[in-house]
């Protein structure tokens, strides 16, 4: 699954959206819920704290 989202200047996530998933729609809510709990620190390479758009690939294994 791939999710696109914005990380603001405080390290909070905004506007998460599914870019791709296989099978489509099956685990989207699980992935988005887990991502909602994630927090980031402001990067030293981004001293102006400019918001960043990110695409993350998540591999979810169901047992």
C-alpha atoms as a PDB file:
ATOM      1  CA  UNK A   1       0.000   0.000   0.000  1.00  0.00           C
ATOM      2  CA  UNK A   2       1.222   3.518  -0.708  1.00  0.00           C
ATOM      3  CA  UNK A   3      -0.074   6.557   1.164  1.00  0.00           C
ATOM      4  CA  UNK A   4       0.591  10.211   0.388  1.00  0.00           C
ATOM      5  CA  UNK A   5       0.430  12.786   3.198  1.00  0.00           C
ATOM      6  CA  UNK A   6       1.706  16.167   4.327  1.00  0.00           C
ATOM      7  CA  UNK A   7       4.005  16.689   7.320  1.00  0.00           C
ATOM      8  CA  UNK A   8       3.585  20.205   8.718  1.00  0.00           C
ATOM      9  CA  UNK A   9       6.222  22.377  10.406  1.00  0.00           C
ATOM     10  CA  UNK A  10       5.403  20.806  13.811  1.00  0.00           C
ATOM     11  CA  UNK A  11       5.751  17.202  12.625  1.00  0.00           C
ATOM     12  CA  UNK A  12       2.003  16.493  12.417  1.00  0.00           C
ATOM     13  CA  UNK A  13       0.450  14.552   9.523  1.00  0.00           C
ATOM     14  CA  UNK A  14      -2.307  16.025   7.376  1.00  0.00           C
ATOM     15  CA  UNK A  15      -4.324  14.988   4.335  1.00  0.00           C
ATOM     16  CA  UNK A  16      -3.454  11.277   4.163  1.00  0.00           C
ATOM     17  CA  UNK A  17      -4.719   9.571   1.012  1.00  0.00           C
ATOM     18  CA  UNK A  18      -4.288   6.133  -0.513  1.00  0.00           C
ATOM     19  CA  UNK A  19      -2.212   6.197  -3.673  1.00  0.00           C
ATOM     20  CA  UNK A  20      -2.232   2.433  -4.275  1.00  0.00           C
ATOM     21  CA  UNK A  21      -3.216  -0.755  -2.469  1.00  0.00           C
ATOM     22  CA  UNK A  22      -3.497  -4.448  -3.226  1.00  0.00           C
ATOM     23  CA  UNK A  23      -6.191  -5.633  -2.992  1.00  0.00           C
ATOM     24  CA  UNK A  24      -7.823  -2.203  -3.338  1.00  0.00           C
ATOM     25  CA  UNK A  25      -9.683  -0.919  -0.292  1.00  0.00           C
ATOM     26  CA  UNK A  26      -9.232  -3.982   1.933  1.00  0.00           C
ATOM     27  CA  UNK A  27      -6.750  -2.658   4.519  1.00  0.00           C
ATOM     28  CA  UNK A  28      -6.930   1.068   3.778  1.00  0.00           C
ATOM     29  CA  UNK A  29      -8.608   1.990   7.066  1.00  0.00           C
ATOM     30  CA  UNK A  30      -6.106  -0.058   9.093  1.00  0.00           C
ATOM     31  CA  UNK A  31      -3.139   1.616   7.394  1.00  0.00           C
ATOM     32  CA  UNK A  32      -4.572   5.138   7.693  1.00  0.00           C
ATOM     33  CA  UNK A  33      -5.438   4.580  11.375  1.00  0.00           C
ATOM     34  CA  UNK A  34      -1.906   3.438  12.133  1.00  0.00           C
ATOM     35  CA  UNK A  35      -0.416   6.340  10.228  1.00  0.00           C
ATOM     36  CA  UNK A  36      -2.570   8.802  12.191  1.00  0.00           C
ATOM     37  CA  UNK A  37      -0.629   7.851  15.353  1.00  0.00           C
ATOM     38  CA  UNK A  38       2.747   8.684  13.785  1.00  0.00           C
ATOM     39  CA  UNK A  39       4.610  11.866  14.737  1.00  0.00           C
ATOM     40  CA  UNK A  40       7.734  13.313  13.155  1.00  0.00           C
ATOM     41  CA  UNK A  41      10.444  15.622  14.481  1.00  0.00           C
ATOM     42  CA  UNK A  42      11.409  18.728  12.531  1.00  0.00           C
ATOM     43  CA  UNK A  43      14.380  17.764  10.350  1.00  0.00           C
ATOM     44  CA  UNK A  44      17.700  19.537  10.844  1.00  0.00           C
ATOM     45  CA  UNK A  45      17.975  19.640   7.048  1.00  0.00           C
ATOM     46  CA  UNK A  46      14.757  21.701   7.001  1.00  0.00           C
ATOM     47  CA  UNK A  47      15.672  24.662   9.275  1.00  0.00           C
ATOM     48  CA  UNK A  48      12.852  26.810   7.860  1.00  0.00           C
ATOM     49  CA  UNK A  49      10.326  24.118   8.901  1.00  0.00           C
ATOM     50  CA  UNK A  50       8.703  24.013   5.467  1.00  0.00           C
ATOM     51  CA  UNK A  51       5.840  21.474   5.231  1.00  0.00           C
ATOM     52  CA  UNK A  52       6.766  18.388   3.196  1.00  0.00           C
ATOM     53  CA  UNK A  53       4.627  16.083   1.042  1.00  0.00           C
ATOM     54  CA  UNK A  54       5.591  12.414   1.532  1.00  0.00           C
ATOM     55  CA  UNK A  55       4.642   9.121  -0.103  1.00  0.00           C
ATOM     56  CA  UNK A  56       5.200   6.068   2.117  1.00  0.00           C
ATOM     57  CA  UNK A  57       4.926   2.424   1.182  1.00  0.00           C
ATOM     58  CA  UNK A  58       3.485   0.215   3.905  1.00  0.00           C
ATOM     59  CA  UNK A  59       3.623  -3.569   3.808  1.00  0.00           C
ATOM     60  CA  UNK A  60       0.864  -5.097   5.911  1.00  0.00           C
ATOM     61  CA  UNK A  61       0.946  -8.815   6.600  1.00  0.00           C
ATOM     62  CA  UNK A  62      -2.213 -10.566   7.751  1.00  0.00           C
ATOM     63  CA  UNK A  63      -1.739 -13.832   9.623  1.00  0.00           C
END
